[in-house]
C-alpha atoms as a PDB file:
ATOM      1  CA  UNK A   1      31.538  58.602 -53.557  1.00  0.00           C
ATOM      2  CA  UNK A   2      32.335  56.224 -55.717  1.00  0.00           C
ATOM      3  CA  UNK A   3      35.827  54.764 -56.502  1.00  0.00           C
ATOM      4  CA  UNK A   4      36.963  55.634 -60.498  1.00  0.00           C
ATOM      5  CA  UNK A   5      40.368  54.343 -61.532  1.00  0.00           C
ATOM      6  CA  UNK A   6      40.477  55.697 -65.293  1.00  0.00           C
ATOM      7  CA  UNK A   7      42.462  54.067 -67.376  1.00  0.00           C
ATOM      8  CA  UNK A   8      45.034  56.008 -68.575  1.00  0.00           C
ATOM      9  CA  UNK A   9      46.273  55.189 -72.582  1.00  0.00           C
ATOM     10  CA  UNK A  10      50.368  54.797 -72.117  1.00  0.00           C
ATOM     11  CA  UNK A  11      50.856  57.449 -75.304  1.00  0.00           C
ATOM     12  CA  UNK A  12      48.848  60.233 -72.686  1.00  0.00           C
ATOM     13  CA  UNK A  13      51.543  59.606 -70.092  1.00  0.00           C
ATOM     14  CA  UNK A  14      53.805  62.715 -69.029  1.00  0.00           C
ATOM     15  CA  UNK A  15      57.401  62.045 -69.565  1.00  0.00           C
ATOM     16  CA  UNK A  16      60.360  63.434 -68.143  1.00  0.00           C
ATOM     17  CA  UNK A  17      62.334  64.884 -70.466  1.00  0.00           C
ATOM     18  CA  UNK A  18      66.453  64.990 -70.976  1.00  0.00           C
ATOM     19  CA  UNK A  19      66.126  68.980 -71.143  1.00  0.00           C
ATOM     20  CA  UNK A  20      64.466  68.592 -66.796  1.00  0.00           C
ATOM     21  CA  UNK A  21      67.949  66.733 -65.773  1.00  0.00           C
ATOM     22  CA  UNK A  22      70.304  69.351 -63.912  1.00  0.00           C
ATOM     23  CA  UNK A  23      73.829  67.779 -64.579  1.00  0.00           C
ATOM     24  CA  UNK A  24      76.703  67.280 -61.533  1.00  0.00           C
ATOM     25  CA  UNK A  25      78.875  69.602 -61.295  1.00  0.00           C
ATOM     26  CA  UNK A  26      82.597  68.754 -63.546  1.00  0.00           C
ATOM     27  CA  UNK A  27      84.766  69.135 -60.271  1.00  0.00           C
ATOM     28  CA  UNK A  28      82.861  65.474 -59.597  1.00  0.00           C
ATOM     29  CA  UNK A  29      84.383  63.420 -62.491  1.00  0.00           C
ATOM     30  CA  UNK A  30      87.753  65.327 -61.352  1.00  0.00           C
ATOM     31  CA  UNK A  31      87.523  64.163 -58.217  1.00  0.00           C
ATOM     32  CA  UNK A  32      86.190  60.356 -59.649  1.00  0.00           C
ATOM     33  CA  UNK A  33      89.371  60.027 -61.658  1.00  0.00           C
ATOM     34  CA  UNK A  34      91.538  60.938 -58.381  1.00  0.00           C
ATOM     35  CA  UNK A  35      90.090  58.255 -56.042  1.00  0.00           C
ATOM     36  CA  UNK A  36      90.415  56.213 -58.586  1.00  0.00           C
ATOM     37  CA  UNK A  37      94.031  57.173 -58.831  1.00  0.00           C
ATOM     38  CA  UNK A  38      94.886  57.374 -55.451  1.00  0.00           C
ATOM     39  CA  UNK A  39      93.966  53.594 -55.134  1.00  0.00           C
ATOM     40  CA  UNK A  40      95.237  52.115 -58.116  1.00  0.00           C
ATOM     41  CA  UNK A  41      98.249  53.823 -57.433  1.00  0.00           C
ATOM     42  CA  UNK A  42      98.658  52.354 -53.415  1.00  0.00           C
ATOM     43  CA  UNK A  43      97.558  49.066 -54.579  1.00  0.00           C
ATOM     44  CA  UNK A  44     100.218  49.422 -57.578  1.00  0.00           C
ATOM     45  CA  UNK A  45     102.500  50.327 -54.882  1.00  0.00           C
ATOM     46  CA  UNK A  46     101.283  47.256 -52.631  1.00  0.00           C
ATOM     47  CA  UNK A  47     101.911  44.368 -55.863  1.00  0.00           C
ATOM     48  CA  UNK A  48     105.117  45.759 -56.676  1.00  0.00           C
ATOM     49  CA  UNK A  49     106.667  44.816 -53.204  1.00  0.00           C
ATOM     50  CA  UNK A  50     105.227  41.683 -53.735  1.00  0.00           C
ATOM     51  CA  UNK A  51     106.702  41.762 -56.664  1.00  0.00           C
ATOM     52  CA  UNK A  52     110.436  42.726 -55.437  1.00  0.00           C
ATOM     53  CA  UNK A  53     109.935  40.744 -52.041  1.00  0.00           C
ATOM     54  CA  UNK A  54     108.070  37.921 -52.757  1.00  0.00           C
ATOM     55  CA  UNK A  55     107.655  35.262 -55.567  1.00  0.00           C
ATOM     56  CA  UNK A  56     104.860  37.065 -57.689  1.00  0.00           C
ATOM     57  CA  UNK A  57     105.856  38.075 -61.274  1.00  0.00           C
ATOM     58  CA  UNK A  58     105.143  41.400 -62.049  1.00  0.00           C
ATOM     59  CA  UNK A  59     103.387  40.446 -65.189  1.00  0.00           C
ATOM     60  CA  UNK A  60     101.048  38.670 -63.777  1.00  0.00           C
ATOM     61  CA  UNK A  61      98.755  42.198 -61.983  1.00  0.00           C
ATOM     62  CA  UNK A  62     100.278  44.541 -64.176  1.00  0.00           C
ATOM     63  CA  UNK A  63      98.634  43.922 -67.148  1.00  0.00           C
ATOM     64  CA  UNK A  64      94.964  43.356 -65.830  1.00  0.00           C
ATOM     65  CA  UNK A  65      95.176  46.224 -63.499  1.00  0.00           C
ATOM     66  CA  UNK A  66      96.004  48.815 -66.849  1.00  0.00           C
ATOM     67  CA  UNK A  67      93.320  46.576 -67.823  1.00  0.00           C
ATOM     68  CA  UNK A  68      91.573  47.162 -64.728  1.00  0.00           C
ATOM     69  CA  UNK A  69      92.256  50.816 -64.954  1.00  0.00           C
ATOM     70  CA  UNK A  70      91.249  51.878 -68.316  1.00  0.00           C
ATOM     71  CA  UNK A  71      87.788  50.341 -68.127  1.00  0.00           C
ATOM     72  CA  UNK A  72      87.146  52.135 -65.211  1.00  0.00           C
ATOM     73  CA  UNK A  73      88.182  55.576 -66.190  1.00  0.00           C
ATOM     74  CA  UNK A  74      86.206  55.513 -69.808  1.00  0.00           C
ATOM     75  CA  UNK A  75      83.106  54.176 -67.746  1.00  0.00           C
ATOM     76  CA  UNK A  76      83.496  56.798 -65.524  1.00  0.00           C
ATOM     77  CA  UNK A  77      83.973  59.476 -68.187  1.00  0.00           C
ATOM     78  CA  UNK A  78      81.402  58.140 -70.733  1.00  0.00           C
ATOM     79  CA  UNK A  79      79.068  57.837 -67.721  1.00  0.00           C
ATOM     80  CA  UNK A  80      79.084  61.489 -66.637  1.00  0.00           C
ATOM     81  CA  UNK A  81      77.485  63.032 -68.589  1.00  0.00           C
ATOM     82  CA  UNK A  82      74.306  61.030 -68.234  1.00  0.00           C
ATOM     83  CA  UNK A  83      74.368  61.380 -64.308  1.00  0.00           C
ATOM     84  CA  UNK A  84      71.502  63.762 -62.947  1.00  0.00           C
ATOM     85  CA  UNK A  85      68.927  65.444 -60.747  1.00  0.00           C
ATOM     86  CA  UNK A  86      65.438  66.795 -61.833  1.00  0.00           C
ATOM     87  CA  UNK A  87      63.479  68.827 -59.146  1.00  0.00           C
ATOM     88  CA  UNK A  88      59.431  69.008 -60.219  1.00  0.00           C
ATOM     89  CA  UNK A  89      56.722  70.681 -58.146  1.00  0.00           C
ATOM     90  CA  UNK A  90      55.744  67.432 -56.365  1.00  0.00           C
ATOM     91  CA  UNK A  91      58.825  64.988 -56.636  1.00  0.00           C
ATOM     92  CA  UNK A  92      62.852  65.015 -56.927  1.00  0.00           C
ATOM     93  CA  UNK A  93      64.284  62.587 -59.885  1.00  0.00           C
ATOM     94  CA  UNK A  94      68.018  60.750 -60.422  1.00  0.00           C
ATOM     95  CA  UNK A  95      69.162  58.964 -63.049  1.00  0.00           C
ATOM     96  CA  UNK A  96      72.919  57.405 -63.920  1.00  0.00           C
ATOM     97  CA  UNK A  97      74.584  54.436 -65.141  1.00  0.00           C
ATOM     98  CA  UNK A  98      75.920  53.756 -68.692  1.00  0.00           C
ATOM     99  CA  UNK A  99      75.888  49.983 -68.581  1.00  0.00           C
ATOM    100  CA  UNK A 100      73.114  49.593 -65.859  1.00  0.00           C
ATOM    101  CA  UNK A 101      70.775  52.389 -66.989  1.00  0.00           C
ATOM    102  CA  UNK A 102      68.616  53.051 -64.138  1.00  0.00           C
ATOM    103  CA  UNK A 103      66.424  56.670 -63.267  1.00  0.00           C
ATOM    104  CA  UNK A 104      64.549  56.719 -59.861  1.00  0.00           C
ATOM    105  CA  UNK A 105      61.627  59.231 -58.616  1.00  0.00           C
ATOM    106  CA  UNK A 106      60.464  59.632 -55.140  1.00  0.00           C
ATOM    107  CA  UNK A 107      57.394  62.252 -54.282  1.00  0.00           C
ATOM    108  CA  UNK A 108      58.178  64.742 -51.547  1.00  0.00           C
ATOM    109  CA  UNK A 109      55.159  63.452 -49.375  1.00  0.00           C
ATOM    110  CA  UNK A 110      57.229  60.225 -48.843  1.00  0.00           C
ATOM    111  CA  UNK A 111      60.404  62.130 -47.998  1.00  0.00           C
ATOM    112  CA  UNK A 112      61.571  60.881 -44.228  1.00  0.00           C
ATOM    113  CA  UNK A 113      64.840  63.455 -44.172  1.00  0.00           C
ATOM    114  CA  UNK A 114      67.378  64.654 -46.351  1.00  0.00           C
ATOM    115  CA  UNK A 115      70.920  65.174 -44.976  1.00  0.00           C
ATOM    116  CA  UNK A 116      74.122  66.237 -46.634  1.00  0.00           C
ATOM    117  CA  UNK A 117      77.756  64.270 -46.843  1.00  0.00           C
ATOM    118  CA  UNK A 118      81.117  65.233 -47.863  1.00  0.00           C
ATOM    119  CA  UNK A 119      84.330  62.934 -47.459  1.00  0.00           C
ATOM    120  CA  UNK A 120      88.025  64.265 -47.518  1.00  0.00           C
ATOM    121  CA  UNK A 121      87.838  64.169 -51.509  1.00  0.00           C
ATOM    122  CA  UNK A 122      84.876  66.252 -51.165  1.00  0.00           C
ATOM    123  CA  UNK A 123      86.687  68.644 -48.902  1.00  0.00           C
ATOM    124  CA  UNK A 124      89.075  69.377 -51.163  1.00  0.00           C
ATOM    125  CA  UNK A 125      86.695  69.641 -54.276  1.00  0.00           C
ATOM    126  CA  UNK A 126      83.961  71.689 -52.306  1.00  0.00           C
ATOM    127  CA  UNK A 127      81.560  68.880 -53.370  1.00  0.00           C
ATOM    128  CA  UNK A 128      79.229  66.940 -51.596  1.00  0.00           C
ATOM    129  CA  UNK A 129      76.399  64.335 -51.234  1.00  0.00           C
ATOM    130  CA  UNK A 130      72.706  64.819 -50.757  1.00  0.00           C
ATOM    131  CA  UNK A 131      70.963  61.356 -49.490  1.00  0.00           C
ATOM    132  CA  UNK A 132      67.588  61.433 -49.654  1.00  0.00           C
ATOM    133  CA  UNK A 133      65.558  58.953 -47.509  1.00  0.00           C
ATOM    134  CA  UNK A 134      61.975  57.310 -47.503  1.00  0.00           C
ATOM    135  CA  UNK A 135      60.352  55.585 -44.404  1.00  0.00           C
ATOM    136  CA  UNK A 136      60.853  51.681 -44.304  1.00  0.00           C
ATOM    137  CA  UNK A 137      64.784  51.400 -44.709  1.00  0.00           C
ATOM    138  CA  UNK A 138      67.957  52.255 -42.926  1.00  0.00           C
ATOM    139  CA  UNK A 139      69.806  53.276 -46.259  1.00  0.00           C
ATOM    140  CA  UNK A 140      69.140  56.339 -48.094  1.00  0.00           C
ATOM    141  CA  UNK A 141      67.519  55.437 -50.902  1.00  0.00           C
ATOM    142  CA  UNK A 142      68.882  57.992 -53.661  1.00  0.00           C
ATOM    143  CA  UNK A 143      72.015  60.109 -53.293  1.00  0.00           C
ATOM    144  CA  UNK A 144      72.539  63.034 -55.489  1.00  0.00           C
ATOM    145  CA  UNK A 145      77.000  63.170 -55.810  1.00  0.00           C
ATOM    146  CA  UNK A 146      79.151  65.633 -57.108  1.00  0.00           C
ATOM    147  CA  UNK A 147      77.340  69.037 -56.151  1.00  0.00           C
ATOM    148  CA  UNK A 148      78.917  71.836 -54.788  1.00  0.00           C
ATOM    149  CA  UNK A 149      78.142  72.114 -50.697  1.00  0.00           C
ATOM    150  CA  UNK A 150      76.534  75.122 -51.008  1.00  0.00           C
ATOM    151  CA  UNK A 151      74.196  74.357 -54.132  1.00  0.00           C
ATOM    152  CA  UNK A 152      73.682  70.830 -52.287  1.00  0.00           C
ATOM    153  CA  UNK A 153      72.481  72.928 -48.604  1.00  0.00           C
ATOM    154  CA  UNK A 154      70.398  74.615 -50.723  1.00  0.00           C
ATOM    155  CA  UNK A 155      68.974  71.361 -52.409  1.00  0.00           C
ATOM    156  CA  UNK A 156      68.746  69.895 -48.603  1.00  0.00           C
ATOM    157  CA  UNK A 157      66.616  72.924 -47.776  1.00  0.00           C
ATOM    158  CA  UNK A 158      64.174  72.982 -50.161  1.00  0.00           C
ATOM    159  CA  UNK A 159      63.947  69.015 -50.363  1.00  0.00           C
ATOM    160  CA  UNK A 160      63.159  69.744 -46.242  1.00  0.00           C
ATOM    161  CA  UNK A 161      60.933  72.385 -46.876  1.00  0.00           C
ATOM    162  CA  UNK A 162      59.283  70.706 -49.465  1.00  0.00           C
ATOM    163  CA  UNK A 163      58.204  67.240 -47.885  1.00  0.00           C
ATOM    164  CA  UNK A 164      57.087  69.492 -44.184  1.00  0.00           C
ATOM    165  CA  UNK A 165      54.090  70.621 -46.075  1.00  0.00           C
ATOM    166  CA  UNK A 166      52.925  66.955 -46.758  1.00  0.00           C
ATOM    167  CA  UNK A 167      53.199  66.015 -43.110  1.00  0.00           C
END
């Protein structure tokens, strides 16, 4: 038996096309915006009390918080269209990021297990996340957020089925 390791020219590498990716549910964007709004409202409430009953001046915190909130909202809205996942016959891929773009793929033969998680806001919007784990770590290697719960369950079942075929 001889070992062959042929050279593949970079021009002949297969590409993961933009059309291959499925976008996330629009409700996920609304859920993220609501979560940010709740956080900033509670933080502003605390800072307001600190201003009224403490020694802080209101414009020391209001302007930076307004700028930070605006930047985060812009990043959430603009970055939403970039996020997506793709399922091919041998692997699953996920992409995200507006400033720091990441695209990762996990072959099904490397997947150990897969689970669904859903937080309080996720239950409100009926959204869930699919977490994909590979060997050698305590945290998930890929998290696909913003899927309707039924789709997340189908995706988890499909990934589990395909990954079990490689055992």
